[in-house]
Each structure stands twice: as structure tokens, then as C-alpha cells.
Amino acid sequence: MSQPDIQTLKILLEREEADRETAEIGMRQAERYLSRVDEQMAQFEKYRADYIARWQDEFGHHGGIEILRCYRSYMGRLDEAISQLTAQQTHAQASLRRARTLLLEAETRVAGIRKLMERRIETHERGERRREQKHTDEMAQRAAWLNRPGAAMGAIS
């Protein structure tokens, strides 16, 4: 039994699997980046809350205009840093969504090529079975024709 010609599909499958692996690596990197940004955000927010609590106690004991100006200035810089981290977080989330979409598309292409290969093999095997069955039927028909009474006489004449 001969094999179906699926060499081109094998090459295409290898390329698509490599693309899928690249997409998976990209997604893992996007996940790690988002995780780092989320951790940084949590640390900044905790630090900000601790800073506010610490200075509220300080204002109760030593409330001066100069201290208040320093506090507000520093809080402004903290808020700016948190705002930048929020933008990074939003960007990281969008990158992760894109990476997941690319991975899903790559996985879909790989699955489609595999399915196509399976169909071609199945179609080829079905054709081979039909040819074998046809050959078997023809052989049985010849044998039946040769075994019938008077067939030997017709074959000799």
C-alpha cells in the first residue's frame, strides 16, 4: 500500500508548530511581565498607605506648613509613579491578551493542518481498501467463472 503525499503538509505543520511555540513563549513572557508590574503596583500602594498613616500621626504631633508641603510634594511624586505603573499595567494586560490571541490562532492552525493530514490519510486508505476489495471481487468472480461446469471446455476451445 502506497502512502499519500502529505510531505508538504508535514513541512507546513512543522513551521506552524514552531510559530505556536514562539507564541507560547511570548504569552509566558507577557504573563511574567504583568505579574512583575502587578507586584510593583501592590508594593507602591502598600508603601503609599503606610506613608499616609505614618505622616498623619506626625501631623498630629508636629503640624507645620513646611512639613505639609514636603508631604504633599512627595505624595504627588508617589501618585505620579502609581499612575505610570497603572499605565504599564494596562499595557501589560493588553499585551497578554494579544499574546493569548496569537497563541490560540497558532493552535487553531496546527489543529487544522493535523486534521487535514488525517483526512488525506483516511481518504487514501479508503481508496486503497476499495482497490483491494475490487481486486478481491474480480479474483473471486474469475474463480467462480472458472469453477462453473463447462467453463473448462470453453477455456480449452
N, C-alpha and C. Protein backbone atom coordinates (compact mmCIF):
# COMPACT_ATOMS: atom_id res chain seq x y z
N MET A 1 0.85 -1.17 0.00
CA MET A 1 0.00 0.00 0.00
C MET A 1 0.89 1.23 0.00
N SER A 2 0.65 2.12 -0.92
CA SER A 2 1.45 3.35 -1.01
C SER A 2 0.96 4.38 0.01
N GLN A 3 1.79 5.37 0.25
CA GLN A 3 1.45 6.43 1.21
C GLN A 3 0.91 7.65 0.48
N PRO A 4 -0.01 8.38 1.11
CA PRO A 4 -0.49 9.61 0.47
C PRO A 4 0.60 10.67 0.50
N ASP A 5 0.54 11.60 -0.41
CA ASP A 5 1.54 12.66 -0.48
C ASP A 5 1.16 13.77 0.50
N ILE A 6 1.75 13.70 1.69
CA ILE A 6 1.47 14.71 2.71
C ILE A 6 2.75 15.42 3.16
N GLN A 7 3.81 15.26 2.37
CA GLN A 7 5.09 15.86 2.74
C GLN A 7 4.99 17.38 2.89
N THR A 8 4.26 18.01 1.98
CA THR A 8 4.09 19.47 2.06
C THR A 8 3.37 19.84 3.34
N LEU A 9 2.36 19.05 3.69
CA LEU A 9 1.63 19.33 4.93
C LEU A 9 2.51 19.12 6.15
N LYS A 10 3.40 18.14 6.09
CA LYS A 10 4.32 17.91 7.22
C LYS A 10 5.23 19.12 7.41
N ILE A 11 5.73 19.66 6.32
CA ILE A 11 6.61 20.84 6.39
C ILE A 11 5.82 22.02 6.95
N LEU A 12 4.61 22.20 6.45
CA LEU A 12 3.76 23.29 6.94
C LEU A 12 3.44 23.11 8.42
N LEU A 13 3.17 21.87 8.83
CA LEU A 13 2.88 21.59 10.24
C LEU A 13 4.08 21.93 11.12
N GLU A 14 5.27 21.56 10.68
CA GLU A 14 6.47 21.87 11.46
C GLU A 14 6.63 23.38 11.63
N ARG A 15 6.40 24.12 10.55
CA ARG A 15 6.51 25.58 10.63
C ARG A 15 5.47 26.17 11.58
N GLU A 16 4.24 25.68 11.47
CA GLU A 16 3.17 26.19 12.33
C GLU A 16 3.40 25.80 13.79
N GLU A 17 3.95 24.62 14.03
CA GLU A 17 4.26 24.22 15.41
C GLU A 17 5.35 25.13 15.98
N ALA A 18 6.32 25.48 15.16
CA ALA A 18 7.38 26.40 15.62
C ALA A 18 6.77 27.77 15.93
N ASP A 19 5.86 28.22 15.07
CA ASP A 19 5.18 29.50 15.32
C ASP A 19 4.36 29.43 16.61
N ARG A 20 3.72 28.29 16.83
CA ARG A 20 2.93 28.12 18.05
C ARG A 20 3.83 28.17 19.28
N GLU A 21 4.98 27.52 19.21
CA GLU A 21 5.92 27.54 20.33
C GLU A 21 6.40 28.97 20.60
N THR A 22 6.65 29.72 19.54
CA THR A 22 7.06 31.12 19.68
C THR A 22 5.95 31.92 20.34
N ALA A 23 4.72 31.68 19.91
CA ALA A 23 3.57 32.38 20.50
C ALA A 23 3.41 32.01 21.97
N GLU A 24 3.66 30.76 22.29
CA GLU A 24 3.55 30.33 23.69
C GLU A 24 4.63 30.99 24.55
N ILE A 25 5.82 31.09 24.02
CA ILE A 25 6.90 31.78 24.74
C ILE A 25 6.52 33.25 24.94
N GLY A 26 5.99 33.87 23.91
CA GLY A 26 5.55 35.26 24.02
C GLY A 26 4.48 35.44 25.07
N MET A 27 3.55 34.50 25.14
CA MET A 27 2.50 34.60 26.14
C MET A 27 3.07 34.45 27.56
N ARG A 28 3.99 33.51 27.73
CA ARG A 28 4.61 33.32 29.05
C ARG A 28 5.37 34.59 29.47
N GLN A 29 6.06 35.21 28.52
CA GLN A 29 6.78 36.45 28.83
C GLN A 29 5.81 37.55 29.22
N ALA A 30 4.70 37.64 28.51
CA ALA A 30 3.69 38.66 28.81
C ALA A 30 3.08 38.40 30.19
N GLU A 31 2.88 37.14 30.54
CA GLU A 31 2.36 36.80 31.87
C GLU A 31 3.34 37.21 32.96
N ARG A 32 4.62 36.91 32.73
CA ARG A 32 5.63 37.28 33.74
C ARG A 32 5.74 38.79 33.89
N TYR A 33 5.69 39.51 32.77
CA TYR A 33 5.77 40.97 32.83
C TYR A 33 4.58 41.55 33.60
N LEU A 34 3.39 41.07 33.30
CA LEU A 34 2.21 41.54 34.01
C LEU A 34 2.31 41.21 35.50
N SER A 35 2.80 40.05 35.81
CA SER A 35 2.96 39.67 37.22
C SER A 35 3.92 40.61 37.94
N ARG A 36 5.04 40.95 37.28
CA ARG A 36 6.00 41.88 37.90
C ARG A 36 5.39 43.26 38.11
N VAL A 37 4.65 43.73 37.11
CA VAL A 37 4.02 45.05 37.23
C VAL A 37 2.97 45.02 38.34
N ASP A 38 2.19 43.94 38.42
CA ASP A 38 1.18 43.81 39.48
C ASP A 38 1.85 43.82 40.86
N GLU A 39 2.98 43.11 40.99
CA GLU A 39 3.70 43.09 42.26
C GLU A 39 4.21 44.49 42.62
N GLN A 40 4.77 45.18 41.62
CA GLN A 40 5.25 46.54 41.86
C GLN A 40 4.10 47.44 42.30
N MET A 41 2.97 47.31 41.62
CA MET A 41 1.80 48.13 41.95
C MET A 41 1.37 47.87 43.39
N ALA A 42 1.31 46.61 43.77
CA ALA A 42 0.90 46.27 45.14
C ALA A 42 1.90 46.86 46.16
N GLN A 43 3.20 46.79 45.84
CA GLN A 43 4.20 47.35 46.75
C GLN A 43 4.06 48.87 46.87
N PHE A 44 3.86 49.55 45.73
CA PHE A 44 3.70 51.01 45.77
C PHE A 44 2.45 51.40 46.54
N GLU A 45 1.35 50.70 46.32
CA GLU A 45 0.11 51.04 47.02
C GLU A 45 0.25 50.81 48.52
N LYS A 46 0.93 49.72 48.90
CA LYS A 46 1.15 49.46 50.33
C LYS A 46 2.05 50.55 50.92
N TYR A 47 3.11 50.88 50.19
CA TYR A 47 4.02 51.92 50.67
C TYR A 47 3.26 53.24 50.82
N ARG A 48 2.44 53.57 49.85
CA ARG A 48 1.66 54.82 49.89
C ARG A 48 0.74 54.84 51.11
N ALA A 49 0.04 53.72 51.35
CA ALA A 49 -0.86 53.65 52.51
C ALA A 49 -0.07 53.78 53.82
N ASP A 50 1.09 53.11 53.89
CA ASP A 50 1.93 53.21 55.09
C ASP A 50 2.44 54.64 55.28
N TYR A 51 2.83 55.29 54.18
CA TYR A 51 3.33 56.65 54.24
C TYR A 51 2.25 57.60 54.75
N ILE A 52 1.05 57.44 54.22
CA ILE A 52 -0.06 58.31 54.67
C ILE A 52 -0.31 58.10 56.16
N ALA A 53 -0.36 56.85 56.60
CA ALA A 53 -0.62 56.57 58.01
C ALA A 53 0.49 57.15 58.90
N ARG A 54 1.73 56.98 58.49
CA ARG A 54 2.86 57.47 59.28
C ARG A 54 2.83 59.00 59.39
N TRP A 55 2.53 59.71 58.30
CA TRP A 55 2.53 61.15 58.33
C TRP A 55 1.29 61.73 58.99
N GLN A 56 0.21 61.02 59.00
CA GLN A 56 -0.96 61.52 59.72
C GLN A 56 -0.67 61.55 61.22
N ASP A 57 0.06 60.54 61.68
CA ASP A 57 0.49 60.57 63.09
C ASP A 57 1.44 61.74 63.32
N GLU A 58 2.35 61.96 62.39
CA GLU A 58 3.32 63.05 62.52
C GLU A 58 2.64 64.41 62.53
N PHE A 59 1.61 64.57 61.68
CA PHE A 59 0.88 65.85 61.65
C PHE A 59 0.18 66.12 62.98
N GLY A 60 -0.23 65.06 63.65
CA GLY A 60 -0.87 65.23 64.95
C GLY A 60 0.09 65.76 66.00
N HIS A 61 1.37 65.42 65.88
CA HIS A 61 2.37 65.85 66.85
C HIS A 61 3.09 67.13 66.44
N HIS A 62 3.48 67.23 65.20
CA HIS A 62 4.26 68.38 64.72
C HIS A 62 3.63 68.91 63.44
N GLY A 63 2.61 69.63 63.51
CA GLY A 63 1.94 70.12 62.32
C GLY A 63 2.51 71.44 61.87
N GLY A 64 3.36 71.41 60.88
CA GLY A 64 3.93 72.64 60.33
C GLY A 64 3.68 72.73 58.84
N ILE A 65 3.64 73.95 58.33
CA ILE A 65 3.39 74.19 56.92
C ILE A 65 4.48 73.56 56.05
N GLU A 66 5.71 73.70 56.48
CA GLU A 66 6.82 73.15 55.69
C GLU A 66 6.72 71.63 55.59
N ILE A 67 6.36 70.98 56.68
CA ILE A 67 6.20 69.52 56.67
C ILE A 67 5.05 69.14 55.73
N LEU A 68 3.97 69.90 55.78
CA LEU A 68 2.82 69.64 54.92
C LEU A 68 3.21 69.78 53.44
N ARG A 69 4.00 70.79 53.11
CA ARG A 69 4.45 70.97 51.72
C ARG A 69 5.31 69.79 51.26
N CYS A 70 6.21 69.36 52.10
CA CYS A 70 7.06 68.21 51.76
C CYS A 70 6.21 66.95 51.56
N TYR A 71 5.25 66.78 52.47
CA TYR A 71 4.35 65.62 52.39
C TYR A 71 3.58 65.64 51.07
N ARG A 72 2.99 66.77 50.74
CA ARG A 72 2.19 66.87 49.51
C ARG A 72 3.08 66.70 48.26
N SER A 73 4.26 67.23 48.31
CA SER A 73 5.18 67.09 47.18
C SER A 73 5.54 65.62 46.97
N TYR A 74 5.87 64.96 48.06
CA TYR A 74 6.24 63.54 47.96
C TYR A 74 5.03 62.70 47.53
N MET A 75 3.85 63.02 48.07
CA MET A 75 2.63 62.30 47.68
C MET A 75 2.35 62.50 46.19
N GLY A 76 2.62 63.68 45.69
CA GLY A 76 2.44 63.94 44.26
C GLY A 76 3.34 63.04 43.42
N ARG A 77 4.59 62.89 43.86
CA ARG A 77 5.52 62.02 43.12
C ARG A 77 5.09 60.56 43.23
N LEU A 78 4.62 60.18 44.42
CA LEU A 78 4.13 58.80 44.59
C LEU A 78 2.91 58.55 43.69
N ASP A 79 1.99 59.51 43.67
CA ASP A 79 0.81 59.36 42.82
C ASP A 79 1.20 59.29 41.34
N GLU A 80 2.19 60.07 40.96
CA GLU A 80 2.67 60.03 39.57
C GLU A 80 3.28 58.66 39.25
N ALA A 81 4.06 58.12 40.17
CA ALA A 81 4.66 56.79 39.97
C ALA A 81 3.56 55.73 39.86
N ILE A 82 2.57 55.83 40.71
CA ILE A 82 1.46 54.87 40.66
C ILE A 82 0.69 55.02 39.35
N SER A 83 0.53 56.23 38.90
CA SER A 83 -0.14 56.47 37.62
C SER A 83 0.64 55.84 36.47
N GLN A 84 1.95 55.98 36.49
CA GLN A 84 2.79 55.36 35.46
C GLN A 84 2.70 53.83 35.53
N LEU A 85 2.69 53.31 36.73
CA LEU A 85 2.55 51.86 36.89
C LEU A 85 1.18 51.38 36.40
N THR A 86 0.16 52.18 36.62
CA THR A 86 -1.18 51.83 36.14
C THR A 86 -1.17 51.76 34.61
N ALA A 87 -0.49 52.70 33.98
CA ALA A 87 -0.37 52.67 32.51
C ALA A 87 0.40 51.44 32.06
N GLN A 88 1.47 51.10 32.77
CA GLN A 88 2.24 49.89 32.44
C GLN A 88 1.38 48.65 32.63
N GLN A 89 0.59 48.66 33.68
CA GLN A 89 -0.28 47.52 33.96
C GLN A 89 -1.31 47.34 32.83
N THR A 90 -1.90 48.44 32.41
CA THR A 90 -2.87 48.40 31.31
C THR A 90 -2.20 47.88 30.04
N HIS A 91 -1.01 48.38 29.76
CA HIS A 91 -0.26 47.94 28.58
C HIS A 91 0.08 46.45 28.69
N ALA A 92 0.50 46.00 29.86
CA ALA A 92 0.86 44.59 30.06
C ALA A 92 -0.37 43.69 29.89
N GLN A 93 -1.51 44.14 30.37
CA GLN A 93 -2.74 43.35 30.22
C GLN A 93 -3.12 43.23 28.74
N ALA A 94 -2.99 44.33 28.01
CA ALA A 94 -3.30 44.31 26.57
C ALA A 94 -2.31 43.40 25.83
N SER A 95 -1.05 43.46 26.22
CA SER A 95 -0.04 42.59 25.60
C SER A 95 -0.35 41.12 25.86
N LEU A 96 -0.77 40.83 27.06
CA LEU A 96 -1.12 39.45 27.40
C LEU A 96 -2.33 38.98 26.59
N ARG A 97 -3.33 39.85 26.45
CA ARG A 97 -4.50 39.47 25.63
C ARG A 97 -4.09 39.19 24.19
N ARG A 98 -3.22 40.05 23.63
CA ARG A 98 -2.74 39.84 22.26
C ARG A 98 -1.95 38.54 22.15
N ALA A 99 -1.11 38.28 23.13
CA ALA A 99 -0.30 37.06 23.11
C ALA A 99 -1.19 35.82 23.20
N ARG A 100 -2.22 35.88 24.02
CA ARG A 100 -3.16 34.74 24.11
C ARG A 100 -3.90 34.54 22.79
N THR A 101 -4.28 35.63 22.17
CA THR A 101 -4.97 35.54 20.88
C THR A 101 -4.06 34.92 19.83
N LEU A 102 -2.81 35.36 19.79
CA LEU A 102 -1.85 34.80 18.84
C LEU A 102 -1.63 33.31 19.08
N LEU A 103 -1.54 32.93 20.35
CA LEU A 103 -1.36 31.51 20.69
C LEU A 103 -2.57 30.70 20.26
N LEU A 104 -3.76 31.21 20.53
CA LEU A 104 -4.97 30.50 20.14
C LEU A 104 -5.04 30.34 18.62
N GLU A 105 -4.69 31.39 17.88
CA GLU A 105 -4.69 31.31 16.42
C GLU A 105 -3.67 30.28 15.93
N ALA A 106 -2.51 30.26 16.55
CA ALA A 106 -1.47 29.30 16.16
C ALA A 106 -1.92 27.87 16.46
N GLU A 107 -2.52 27.67 17.63
CA GLU A 107 -3.01 26.34 17.98
C GLU A 107 -4.11 25.90 17.02
N THR A 108 -4.96 26.82 16.61
CA THR A 108 -6.03 26.51 15.66
C THR A 108 -5.44 26.09 14.31
N ARG A 109 -4.41 26.82 13.85
CA ARG A 109 -3.77 26.46 12.58
C ARG A 109 -3.13 25.07 12.66
N VAL A 110 -2.45 24.78 13.76
CA VAL A 110 -1.80 23.47 13.92
C VAL A 110 -2.86 22.37 13.92
N ALA A 111 -3.93 22.59 14.65
CA ALA A 111 -5.00 21.58 14.71
C ALA A 111 -5.63 21.39 13.33
N GLY A 112 -5.81 22.46 12.59
CA GLY A 112 -6.40 22.37 11.26
C GLY A 112 -5.51 21.58 10.30
N ILE A 113 -4.22 21.82 10.36
CA ILE A 113 -3.30 21.09 9.48
C ILE A 113 -3.27 19.61 9.85
N ARG A 114 -3.26 19.32 11.14
CA ARG A 114 -3.30 17.92 11.58
C ARG A 114 -4.57 17.22 11.10
N LYS A 115 -5.68 17.92 11.22
CA LYS A 115 -6.96 17.36 10.77
C LYS A 115 -6.93 17.11 9.26
N LEU A 116 -6.38 18.05 8.51
CA LEU A 116 -6.27 17.88 7.07
C LEU A 116 -5.40 16.67 6.73
N MET A 117 -4.29 16.51 7.45
CA MET A 117 -3.42 15.35 7.22
C MET A 117 -4.17 14.06 7.52
N GLU A 118 -4.91 14.04 8.62
CA GLU A 118 -5.69 12.85 8.97
C GLU A 118 -6.71 12.53 7.88
N ARG A 119 -7.38 13.55 7.36
CA ARG A 119 -8.37 13.33 6.30
C ARG A 119 -7.72 12.79 5.03
N ARG A 120 -6.57 13.35 4.67
CA ARG A 120 -5.90 12.87 3.47
C ARG A 120 -5.47 11.41 3.62
N ILE A 121 -4.95 11.08 4.79
CA ILE A 121 -4.54 9.69 5.04
C ILE A 121 -5.77 8.79 5.01
N GLU A 122 -6.83 9.23 5.67
CA GLU A 122 -8.06 8.44 5.69
C GLU A 122 -8.63 8.25 4.28
N THR A 123 -8.64 9.30 3.49
CA THR A 123 -9.13 9.21 2.11
C THR A 123 -8.26 8.26 1.30
N HIS A 124 -6.96 8.35 1.47
CA HIS A 124 -6.03 7.48 0.78
C HIS A 124 -6.28 6.02 1.18
N GLU A 125 -6.40 5.77 2.47
CA GLU A 125 -6.62 4.40 2.96
C GLU A 125 -7.96 3.85 2.46
N ARG A 126 -8.98 4.69 2.43
CA ARG A 126 -10.28 4.26 1.93
C ARG A 126 -10.17 3.86 0.46
N GLY A 127 -9.44 4.67 -0.33
CA GLY A 127 -9.21 4.34 -1.74
C GLY A 127 -8.45 3.03 -1.89
N GLU A 128 -7.45 2.84 -1.05
CA GLU A 128 -6.68 1.58 -1.08
C GLU A 128 -7.57 0.40 -0.75
N ARG A 129 -8.43 0.54 0.26
CA ARG A 129 -9.34 -0.55 0.63
C ARG A 129 -10.30 -0.86 -0.52
N ARG A 130 -10.78 0.17 -1.19
CA ARG A 130 -11.68 -0.04 -2.34
C ARG A 130 -10.96 -0.79 -3.46
N ARG A 131 -9.71 -0.38 -3.74
CA ARG A 131 -8.95 -1.07 -4.79
C ARG A 131 -8.72 -2.53 -4.42
N GLU A 132 -8.37 -2.78 -3.16
CA GLU A 132 -8.15 -4.15 -2.71
C GLU A 132 -9.45 -4.96 -2.80
N GLN A 133 -10.56 -4.34 -2.38
CA GLN A 133 -11.84 -5.03 -2.45
C GLN A 133 -12.22 -5.33 -3.90
N LYS A 134 -11.98 -4.37 -4.77
CA LYS A 134 -12.29 -4.57 -6.19
C LYS A 134 -11.45 -5.71 -6.74
N HIS A 135 -10.16 -5.73 -6.39
CA HIS A 135 -9.28 -6.79 -6.84
C HIS A 135 -9.75 -8.15 -6.31
N THR A 136 -10.11 -8.19 -5.04
CA THR A 136 -10.60 -9.43 -4.43
C THR A 136 -11.88 -9.89 -5.11
N ASP A 137 -12.79 -8.96 -5.37
CA ASP A 137 -14.05 -9.30 -6.05
C ASP A 137 -13.79 -9.85 -7.45
N GLU A 138 -12.87 -9.22 -8.17
CA GLU A 138 -12.54 -9.69 -9.52
C GLU A 138 -11.94 -11.09 -9.47
N MET A 139 -11.06 -11.32 -8.51
CA MET A 139 -10.45 -12.65 -8.37
C MET A 139 -11.51 -13.70 -8.04
N ALA A 140 -12.43 -13.35 -7.14
CA ALA A 140 -13.50 -14.29 -6.78
C ALA A 140 -14.40 -14.55 -7.98
N GLN A 141 -14.68 -13.53 -8.76
CA GLN A 141 -15.52 -13.68 -9.95
C GLN A 141 -14.83 -14.59 -10.98
N ARG A 142 -13.55 -14.41 -11.18
CA ARG A 142 -12.81 -15.28 -12.10
C ARG A 142 -12.80 -16.72 -11.62
N ALA A 143 -12.55 -16.86 -10.31
CA ALA A 143 -12.52 -18.21 -9.75
C ALA A 143 -13.88 -18.87 -9.90
N ALA A 144 -14.94 -18.14 -9.66
CA ALA A 144 -16.29 -18.70 -9.79
C ALA A 144 -16.57 -19.03 -11.25
N TRP A 145 -16.11 -18.19 -12.15
CA TRP A 145 -16.36 -18.43 -13.56
C TRP A 145 -15.59 -19.67 -14.03
N LEU A 146 -14.35 -19.82 -13.53
CA LEU A 146 -13.55 -20.97 -13.92
C LEU A 146 -14.04 -22.25 -13.28
N ASN A 147 -14.69 -22.19 -12.14
CA ASN A 147 -15.18 -23.38 -11.44
C ASN A 147 -16.56 -23.80 -11.90
N ARG A 148 -17.22 -23.07 -12.71
CA ARG A 148 -18.58 -23.46 -13.14
C ARG A 148 -18.46 -24.59 -14.16
N PRO A 149 -19.50 -25.43 -14.23
CA PRO A 149 -19.45 -26.55 -15.19
C PRO A 149 -19.37 -26.01 -16.62
N GLY A 150 -18.56 -26.57 -17.36
CA GLY A 150 -18.41 -26.24 -18.76
C GLY A 150 -17.45 -25.09 -18.98
N ALA A 151 -16.94 -24.51 -17.95
CA ALA A 151 -16.02 -23.39 -18.12
C ALA A 151 -14.68 -23.89 -18.64
N ALA A 152 -14.31 -25.08 -18.20
CA ALA A 152 -13.05 -25.63 -18.65
C ALA A 152 -13.10 -25.92 -20.13
N MET A 153 -14.25 -26.37 -20.65
CA MET A 153 -14.38 -26.66 -22.07
C MET A 153 -14.27 -25.39 -22.88
N GLY A 154 -14.90 -24.31 -22.39
CA GLY A 154 -14.85 -23.04 -23.11
C GLY A 154 -13.45 -22.46 -23.12
N ALA A 155 -12.72 -22.72 -22.05
CA ALA A 155 -11.39 -22.17 -21.95
C ALA A 155 -10.44 -22.91 -22.86
N ILE A 156 -10.73 -24.23 -23.10
CA ILE A 156 -9.84 -25.05 -23.94
C ILE A 156 -10.06 -24.73 -25.41
N SER A 157 -11.30 -24.50 -25.82
CA SER A 157 -11.57 -24.30 -27.22
C SER A 157 -11.06 -23.02 -27.77
